[in-house]
N, C-alpha and C. Protein backbone atom coordinates (compact mmCIF):
# COMPACT_ATOMS: atom_id res chain seq x y z
N MET A 1 -18.58 0.93 -4.63
CA MET A 1 -17.48 0.59 -5.51
C MET A 1 -16.44 1.71 -5.47
N ILE A 2 -15.20 1.34 -5.32
CA ILE A 2 -14.12 2.31 -5.33
C ILE A 2 -13.68 2.51 -6.77
N LYS A 3 -13.87 3.71 -7.29
CA LYS A 3 -13.48 3.99 -8.68
C LYS A 3 -12.05 4.50 -8.72
N ILE A 4 -11.77 5.59 -8.01
CA ILE A 4 -10.41 6.11 -7.91
C ILE A 4 -10.13 6.36 -6.45
N LYS A 5 -9.10 5.77 -5.95
CA LYS A 5 -8.72 5.96 -4.55
C LYS A 5 -7.24 6.27 -4.53
N GLN A 6 -6.89 7.34 -3.88
CA GLN A 6 -5.49 7.73 -3.78
C GLN A 6 -4.99 7.38 -2.39
N ILE A 7 -3.85 6.73 -2.33
CA ILE A 7 -3.26 6.29 -1.07
C ILE A 7 -1.90 6.94 -0.93
N ALA A 8 -1.62 7.47 0.24
CA ALA A 8 -0.31 8.05 0.51
C ALA A 8 0.54 7.03 1.25
N CYS A 9 1.79 6.92 0.87
CA CYS A 9 2.71 5.99 1.53
C CYS A 9 4.04 6.70 1.75
N ASN A 10 4.58 6.56 2.94
CA ASN A 10 5.94 7.07 3.20
C ASN A 10 6.77 6.03 3.93
N GLY A 11 6.47 4.78 3.69
CA GLY A 11 7.25 3.70 4.28
C GLY A 11 6.68 3.24 5.61
N SER A 12 7.53 2.61 6.36
CA SER A 12 7.15 2.04 7.64
C SER A 12 7.19 3.09 8.73
N GLN A 13 6.63 2.76 9.87
CA GLN A 13 6.71 3.65 11.03
C GLN A 13 8.12 3.68 11.59
N ASP A 14 8.91 2.69 11.26
CA ASP A 14 10.31 2.64 11.66
C ASP A 14 11.08 3.71 10.89
N SER A 15 11.82 4.53 11.57
CA SER A 15 12.51 5.65 10.91
C SER A 15 13.53 5.18 9.87
N ASP A 16 14.04 3.96 9.99
CA ASP A 16 15.00 3.44 9.01
C ASP A 16 14.34 3.09 7.68
N SER A 17 13.03 2.87 7.71
CA SER A 17 12.33 2.42 6.50
C SER A 17 11.49 3.51 5.87
N LYS A 18 11.65 4.74 6.28
CA LYS A 18 10.87 5.84 5.70
C LYS A 18 11.41 6.22 4.33
N HIS A 19 10.52 6.72 3.49
CA HIS A 19 10.89 7.22 2.17
C HIS A 19 10.01 8.44 1.89
N PRO A 20 10.27 9.17 0.82
CA PRO A 20 9.43 10.34 0.51
C PRO A 20 7.97 9.91 0.30
N PHE A 21 7.04 10.80 0.63
CA PHE A 21 5.63 10.51 0.39
C PHE A 21 5.40 10.29 -1.10
N VAL A 22 4.71 9.21 -1.41
CA VAL A 22 4.25 8.97 -2.77
C VAL A 22 2.75 8.75 -2.71
N TYR A 23 2.07 9.16 -3.74
CA TYR A 23 0.63 8.99 -3.82
C TYR A 23 0.34 7.97 -4.90
N LEU A 24 -0.27 6.87 -4.49
CA LEU A 24 -0.56 5.77 -5.39
C LEU A 24 -2.05 5.76 -5.70
N LYS A 25 -2.41 5.56 -6.95
CA LYS A 25 -3.81 5.55 -7.35
C LYS A 25 -4.27 4.14 -7.67
N LEU A 26 -5.35 3.72 -7.01
CA LEU A 26 -5.87 2.38 -7.22
C LEU A 26 -6.76 2.27 -8.46
N HIS A 27 -7.45 3.31 -8.85
CA HIS A 27 -8.44 3.28 -9.94
C HIS A 27 -9.37 2.09 -9.70
N ASP A 28 -9.49 1.19 -10.65
CA ASP A 28 -10.34 0.01 -10.48
C ASP A 28 -9.52 -1.24 -10.18
N ALA A 29 -8.23 -1.08 -9.96
CA ALA A 29 -7.37 -2.23 -9.65
C ALA A 29 -7.68 -2.75 -8.26
N LYS A 30 -7.41 -3.97 -8.02
CA LYS A 30 -7.64 -4.59 -6.71
C LYS A 30 -6.47 -4.37 -5.76
N GLU A 31 -5.28 -4.11 -6.32
CA GLU A 31 -4.11 -3.92 -5.46
C GLU A 31 -3.09 -3.03 -6.16
N ILE A 32 -2.21 -2.45 -5.33
CA ILE A 32 -1.10 -1.66 -5.84
C ILE A 32 0.06 -1.81 -4.87
N ILE A 33 1.27 -1.78 -5.38
CA ILE A 33 2.47 -1.97 -4.56
C ILE A 33 3.32 -0.71 -4.63
N CYS A 34 3.76 -0.24 -3.47
CA CYS A 34 4.59 0.95 -3.41
C CYS A 34 5.95 0.65 -4.04
N PRO A 35 6.41 1.50 -4.96
CA PRO A 35 7.70 1.24 -5.61
C PRO A 35 8.90 1.43 -4.70
N TYR A 36 8.74 2.14 -3.59
CA TYR A 36 9.84 2.35 -2.67
C TYR A 36 9.99 1.22 -1.65
N CYS A 37 8.90 0.90 -0.96
CA CYS A 37 9.01 -0.03 0.18
C CYS A 37 8.31 -1.37 -0.05
N SER A 38 7.69 -1.56 -1.20
CA SER A 38 7.00 -2.79 -1.57
C SER A 38 5.79 -3.09 -0.68
N LYS A 39 5.28 -2.07 0.03
CA LYS A 39 4.07 -2.25 0.81
C LYS A 39 2.92 -2.45 -0.16
N LYS A 40 2.07 -3.44 0.13
CA LYS A 40 0.99 -3.82 -0.77
C LYS A 40 -0.34 -3.31 -0.22
N PHE A 41 -1.07 -2.55 -1.03
CA PHE A 41 -2.38 -2.04 -0.66
C PHE A 41 -3.43 -2.80 -1.47
N THR A 42 -4.40 -3.40 -0.80
CA THR A 42 -5.43 -4.17 -1.49
C THR A 42 -6.82 -3.70 -1.05
N ILE A 43 -7.80 -3.91 -1.91
CA ILE A 43 -9.18 -3.61 -1.58
C ILE A 43 -9.86 -4.92 -1.19
N SER A 44 -10.48 -4.91 -0.03
CA SER A 44 -11.23 -6.09 0.40
C SER A 44 -12.66 -5.66 0.72
N LYS A 45 -13.55 -6.62 0.76
CA LYS A 45 -14.95 -6.33 1.00
C LYS A 45 -15.43 -7.12 2.21
N ARG A 46 -16.00 -6.41 3.17
CA ARG A 46 -16.60 -7.05 4.35
C ARG A 46 -17.91 -6.36 4.66
N ASN A 47 -18.93 -7.12 4.95
CA ASN A 47 -20.24 -6.58 5.30
C ASN A 47 -20.73 -5.56 4.27
N ASN A 48 -20.56 -5.89 3.00
CA ASN A 48 -20.99 -5.04 1.88
C ASN A 48 -20.32 -3.67 1.86
N LYS A 49 -19.17 -3.54 2.50
CA LYS A 49 -18.40 -2.29 2.45
C LYS A 49 -16.99 -2.63 1.99
N GLN A 50 -16.37 -1.70 1.27
CA GLN A 50 -15.01 -1.92 0.79
C GLN A 50 -14.01 -1.22 1.70
N TYR A 51 -12.90 -1.89 1.94
CA TYR A 51 -11.84 -1.38 2.80
C TYR A 51 -10.50 -1.50 2.07
N ILE A 52 -9.58 -0.65 2.42
CA ILE A 52 -8.22 -0.76 1.90
C ILE A 52 -7.37 -1.36 3.00
N GLU A 53 -6.75 -2.48 2.70
CA GLU A 53 -5.88 -3.15 3.67
C GLU A 53 -4.43 -3.02 3.21
N VAL A 54 -3.53 -3.05 4.18
CA VAL A 54 -2.11 -2.87 3.91
C VAL A 54 -1.36 -4.10 4.38
N LEU A 55 -0.51 -4.61 3.51
CA LEU A 55 0.39 -5.71 3.87
C LEU A 55 1.79 -5.15 3.81
N GLU A 56 2.46 -5.10 4.97
CA GLU A 56 3.81 -4.56 5.00
C GLU A 56 4.80 -5.70 4.81
N VAL A 57 5.68 -5.51 3.87
CA VAL A 57 6.66 -6.53 3.52
C VAL A 57 7.92 -6.30 4.37
N ASN A 58 8.46 -7.38 4.90
CA ASN A 58 9.69 -7.27 5.69
C ASN A 58 10.87 -7.23 4.73
N LEU A 59 11.45 -6.04 4.58
CA LEU A 59 12.55 -5.87 3.63
C LEU A 59 13.88 -6.40 4.14
N SER A 60 13.99 -6.69 5.43
CA SER A 60 15.26 -7.16 5.98
C SER A 60 15.62 -8.55 5.47
N ASN A 61 14.63 -9.31 4.97
CA ASN A 61 14.89 -10.64 4.45
C ASN A 61 15.23 -10.65 2.97
N LYS A 62 15.17 -9.49 2.32
CA LYS A 62 15.47 -9.41 0.89
C LYS A 62 16.96 -9.46 0.65
N THR A 63 17.33 -10.10 -0.44
CA THR A 63 18.74 -10.08 -0.83
C THR A 63 18.92 -9.07 -1.93
N VAL A 64 20.00 -8.36 -1.92
CA VAL A 64 20.23 -7.31 -2.90
C VAL A 64 21.23 -7.76 -3.93
């Protein structure tokens, strides 16, 4: 069981989408979203082990 997990995010690998490093804490939550790039970090379970998966949101389709 993941009790507290800290995740570092600095945006996409694309240099245009980088932002300052932020450290996000999952605690017992199932997911957390980066406030800068909207990248979604979720906890999933496979073969009785927990993994952190990342869903990268395409910001180019967002309207401002």
